[in-house]
Amino acid sequence: MISVLLVDDHELVRAGIRRILEDIKGIKVVGEAQCGEDAVKWCRSNSADIVLMDMNMPGIGGLEATRKIVRYSPDTKIIMLTIHTESPLPAKVMQAGAAGYLSKGAAPQEVISAIRSVHAGQRYIASDIAQQMALSQLQPQAENPFASLSDRELQIMLMITKGQKVNEISEQLNLSPKTVNSYRYRMFSKLSINGDVELTHLAIKHGLFNAETLVTSE
């Protein structure tokens, strides 16, 4: 029996995935979490073979949660199931230790196949995402300025575009506001922008988010 933890800040999404998986022989949903912190906490006191993880959630988000779970629960395999499929996010997630990467637009059968493949010790990346990752290796970094960001800068970028303020970010990441601002200004310099609004516009321009998602995710 493959045990699965569902991690997404939208209850409707978790309910939909649970409904799909509960009818599949050999797969059992054993828990749910609505943010990265809850997922990490759950994995420290419970066990799951697979975590289906959303990327952009309140708090530390899916990228940092993946890194923490892999560190503290190495037998647990993470599959990122997210709307964010543009470079450099898939590569960053896989480098953080995830075993799979899927779009939320994936068919139910592909999600099931990914769970079984990852549980069998394989990596699973949706074919369209794998193609994007391969092409990004052939393109100059200037094609996507976000590729120049460090993991921490990328994490803070995701939190800013979610609408979180510096004090919220500092509290959730256990960093001082001064340190968070240092990351922000370093990020702004790398991206040649002047503030959070320009950051969000740049993220939309490069396909990391869309305006409708940012409005409805609040």
Protein backbone atom coordinates (compact mmCIF):
# COMPACT_ATOMS: atom_id res chain seq x y z
CA MET A 1 0.00 0.00 0.00
CA ILE A 2 1.41 3.39 -1.04
CA SER A 3 0.63 6.04 1.60
CA VAL A 4 0.17 9.62 0.39
CA LEU A 5 0.14 13.02 2.14
CA LEU A 6 -1.71 15.82 0.31
CA VAL A 7 -0.31 19.34 0.74
CA ASP A 8 -2.20 22.29 -0.75
CA ASP A 9 -3.64 25.48 0.71
CA HIS A 10 -6.92 25.00 -1.14
CA GLU A 11 -9.27 22.52 0.52
CA LEU A 12 -11.15 22.01 -2.75
CA VAL A 13 -7.94 20.89 -4.50
CA ARG A 14 -7.11 18.43 -1.71
CA ALA A 15 -10.67 17.06 -1.79
CA GLY A 16 -10.48 16.56 -5.55
CA ILE A 17 -7.19 14.70 -5.41
CA ARG A 18 -8.37 12.61 -2.47
CA ARG A 19 -11.49 11.65 -4.44
CA ILE A 20 -9.32 10.51 -7.35
CA LEU A 21 -6.92 8.49 -5.23
CA GLU A 22 -9.36 6.86 -2.84
CA ASP A 23 -10.73 4.67 -5.66
CA ILE A 24 -7.27 3.45 -6.72
CA LYS A 25 -6.21 0.05 -5.45
CA GLY A 26 -2.87 0.12 -3.63
CA ILE A 27 -2.89 3.87 -2.85
CA LYS A 28 -4.16 5.42 0.39
CA VAL A 29 -4.32 9.07 1.44
CA VAL A 30 -3.09 9.12 5.05
CA GLY A 31 -3.07 12.85 5.76
CA GLU A 32 -3.51 16.41 4.57
CA ALA A 33 -1.73 19.71 5.22
CA GLN A 34 -2.55 23.23 4.05
CA CYS A 35 0.92 24.79 4.18
CA GLY A 36 4.60 23.85 4.07
CA GLU A 37 5.09 24.20 7.83
CA ASP A 38 2.23 21.80 8.55
CA ALA A 39 3.62 19.34 6.01
CA VAL A 40 7.06 19.36 7.64
CA LYS A 41 5.52 18.97 11.10
CA TRP A 42 3.31 16.10 9.91
CA CYS A 43 6.26 14.25 8.37
CA ARG A 44 8.30 14.54 11.56
CA SER A 45 5.69 12.67 13.59
CA ASN A 46 4.03 10.50 10.91
CA SER A 47 5.12 8.59 7.85
CA ALA A 48 4.04 8.74 4.22
CA ASP A 49 5.63 7.15 1.17
CA ILE A 50 4.67 10.05 -1.12
CA VAL A 51 3.93 13.73 -0.55
CA LEU A 52 1.96 15.52 -3.27
CA MET A 53 3.16 19.08 -2.68
CA ASP A 54 1.88 22.40 -3.99
CA MET A 55 4.52 25.04 -4.73
CA ASN A 56 3.08 28.41 -3.79
CA MET A 57 1.37 28.37 -0.37
CA PRO A 58 1.30 30.69 2.63
CA GLY A 59 4.39 30.41 4.79
CA ILE A 60 7.59 28.72 3.68
CA GLY A 61 5.98 27.29 0.54
CA GLY A 62 6.55 24.02 -1.26
CA LEU A 63 10.20 24.52 -2.22
CA GLU A 64 11.48 24.99 1.31
CA ALA A 65 9.10 22.35 2.68
CA THR A 66 10.48 19.89 0.15
CA ARG A 67 14.03 20.64 1.24
CA LYS A 68 13.15 20.17 4.92
CA ILE A 69 11.17 16.95 4.46
CA VAL A 70 13.90 15.36 2.36
CA ARG A 71 16.42 16.27 5.06
CA TYR A 72 14.44 14.94 8.01
CA SER A 73 12.47 12.14 6.31
CA PRO A 74 14.74 10.82 3.54
CA ASP A 75 12.49 7.83 2.84
CA THR A 76 9.59 10.14 1.97
CA LYS A 77 9.40 11.03 -1.73
CA ILE A 78 8.08 14.41 -2.87
CA ILE A 79 6.10 15.01 -6.05
CA MET A 80 5.49 18.67 -6.79
CA LEU A 81 1.97 19.11 -8.20
CA THR A 82 1.66 22.77 -9.17
CA ILE A 83 0.49 25.31 -11.71
CA HIS A 84 4.07 26.65 -11.91
CA THR A 85 5.86 24.85 -14.74
CA GLU A 86 8.14 27.52 -16.19
CA SER A 87 11.92 27.56 -15.83
CA PRO A 88 13.73 27.77 -13.45
CA LEU A 89 11.19 26.42 -10.92
CA PRO A 90 11.16 22.72 -11.97
CA ALA A 91 14.96 22.51 -11.90
CA LYS A 92 15.13 24.23 -8.51
CA VAL A 93 12.56 21.84 -7.07
CA MET A 94 14.34 18.75 -8.36
CA GLN A 95 17.65 20.09 -7.02
CA ALA A 96 15.96 20.53 -3.63
CA GLY A 97 15.34 16.79 -3.56
CA ALA A 98 11.92 16.25 -5.14
CA ALA A 99 11.44 12.99 -7.01
CA GLY A 100 8.69 14.19 -9.33
CA TYR A 101 7.19 17.28 -10.94
CA LEU A 102 3.69 17.52 -12.41
CA SER A 103 1.39 20.25 -13.60
CA LYS A 104 -2.02 20.56 -11.94
CA GLY A 105 -3.35 20.22 -15.46
CA ALA A 106 -2.14 16.62 -15.55
CA ALA A 107 -4.69 13.88 -16.15
CA PRO A 108 -5.63 11.80 -13.10
CA GLN A 109 -3.97 8.73 -14.63
CA GLU A 110 -0.67 10.59 -14.95
CA VAL A 111 -0.79 11.56 -11.26
CA ILE A 112 -1.36 7.90 -10.39
CA SER A 113 1.47 6.81 -12.69
CA ALA A 114 3.80 9.37 -11.11
CA ILE A 115 2.98 8.12 -7.61
CA ARG A 116 3.68 4.51 -8.58
CA SER A 117 6.87 5.36 -10.48
CA VAL A 118 8.32 7.48 -7.68
CA HIS A 119 7.39 4.85 -5.09
CA ALA A 120 9.30 2.31 -7.23
CA GLY A 121 12.43 4.47 -6.95
CA GLN A 122 12.21 6.32 -10.25
CA ARG A 123 12.00 10.02 -10.97
CA TYR A 124 8.95 11.30 -12.79
CA ILE A 125 8.76 14.60 -14.67
CA ALA A 126 5.85 15.37 -16.96
CA SER A 127 7.04 15.21 -20.57
CA ASP A 128 6.23 18.84 -21.39
CA ILE A 129 8.07 20.05 -18.27
CA ALA A 130 11.05 17.79 -19.00
CA GLN A 131 11.21 19.27 -22.49
CA GLN A 132 11.20 22.81 -21.10
CA MET A 133 13.97 21.89 -18.66
CA ALA A 134 16.08 20.43 -21.47
CA LEU A 135 15.55 23.46 -23.70
CA SER A 136 16.40 25.85 -20.86
CA GLN A 137 19.83 24.23 -20.64
CA LEU A 138 20.45 25.20 -24.27
CA GLN A 139 19.30 28.80 -23.90
CA PRO A 140 21.37 31.67 -22.51
CA GLN A 141 20.54 32.61 -18.91
CA ALA A 142 19.37 36.00 -20.12
CA GLU A 143 16.31 34.26 -21.58
CA ASN A 144 14.93 33.92 -18.05
CA PRO A 145 16.34 36.35 -15.47
CA PHE A 146 14.93 34.29 -12.59
CA ALA A 147 17.53 31.63 -13.31
CA SER A 148 20.10 33.95 -11.71
CA LEU A 149 18.35 33.89 -8.31
CA SER A 150 19.60 31.79 -5.42
CA ASP A 151 17.26 29.28 -3.79
CA ARG A 152 16.54 31.69 -0.92
CA GLU A 153 15.90 34.60 -3.30
CA LEU A 154 13.56 32.43 -5.34
CA GLN A 155 11.72 31.40 -2.19
CA ILE A 156 11.27 35.02 -1.12
CA MET A 157 10.19 35.94 -4.65
CA LEU A 158 7.41 33.34 -4.46
CA MET A 159 6.28 34.70 -1.10
CA ILE A 160 6.29 38.32 -2.30
CA THR A 161 4.25 37.53 -5.39
CA LYS A 162 1.78 35.74 -3.08
CA GLY A 163 1.25 39.12 -1.41
CA GLN A 164 3.23 38.48 1.79
CA LYS A 165 4.95 41.40 3.50
CA VAL A 166 8.50 41.58 4.81
CA ASN A 167 7.48 41.07 8.46
CA GLU A 168 5.42 38.00 7.56
CA ILE A 169 8.27 36.55 5.52
CA SER A 170 10.84 37.19 8.24
CA GLU A 171 8.67 35.49 10.85
CA GLN A 172 7.94 32.44 8.71
CA LEU A 173 11.55 31.98 7.58
CA ASN A 174 13.08 32.81 10.97
CA LEU A 175 15.04 35.67 9.45
CA SER A 176 15.26 39.27 10.58
CA PRO A 177 13.35 41.85 8.50
CA LYS A 178 16.74 43.39 7.67
CA THR A 179 17.95 40.09 6.23
CA VAL A 180 14.78 39.63 4.20
CA ASN A 181 15.17 43.14 2.79
CA SER A 182 18.79 42.38 1.94
CA TYR A 183 17.61 39.42 -0.13
CA ARG A 184 14.93 41.58 -1.73
CA TYR A 185 17.32 44.32 -2.77
CA ARG A 186 19.88 41.80 -4.04
CA MET A 187 17.08 40.18 -6.06
CA PHE A 188 15.93 43.53 -7.41
CA SER A 189 19.49 44.29 -8.49
CA LYS A 190 19.86 40.97 -10.31
CA LEU A 191 16.53 41.44 -12.08
CA SER A 192 17.06 45.16 -12.78
CA ILE A 193 13.78 46.16 -11.14
CA ASN A 194 12.81 48.61 -8.39
CA GLY A 195 10.11 47.00 -6.26
CA ASP A 196 7.58 44.30 -5.52
CA VAL A 197 5.09 45.43 -8.18
CA GLU A 198 7.74 45.24 -10.90
CA LEU A 199 8.76 41.84 -9.54
CA THR A 200 5.22 40.52 -9.91
CA HIS A 201 4.91 41.96 -13.42
CA LEU A 202 8.22 40.34 -14.41
CA ALA A 203 7.07 36.99 -13.00
CA ILE A 204 3.88 37.22 -15.06
CA LYS A 205 5.86 38.21 -18.17
CA HIS A 206 8.06 35.14 -17.91
CA GLY A 207 5.18 32.79 -17.28
CA LEU A 208 5.86 31.99 -13.62
CA PHE A 209 2.39 33.24 -12.71
CA ASN A 210 -0.63 34.72 -14.37
CA ALA A 211 -2.72 37.63 -13.21
CA GLU A 212 -5.84 35.51 -12.70
CA THR A 213 -3.95 33.07 -10.46
CA LEU A 214 -2.55 35.86 -8.32
CA VAL A 215 -6.00 37.34 -7.78
CA THR A 216 -7.80 34.08 -7.05
CA SER A 217 -5.05 32.62 -4.83
CA GLU A 218 -5.52 35.23 -2.13
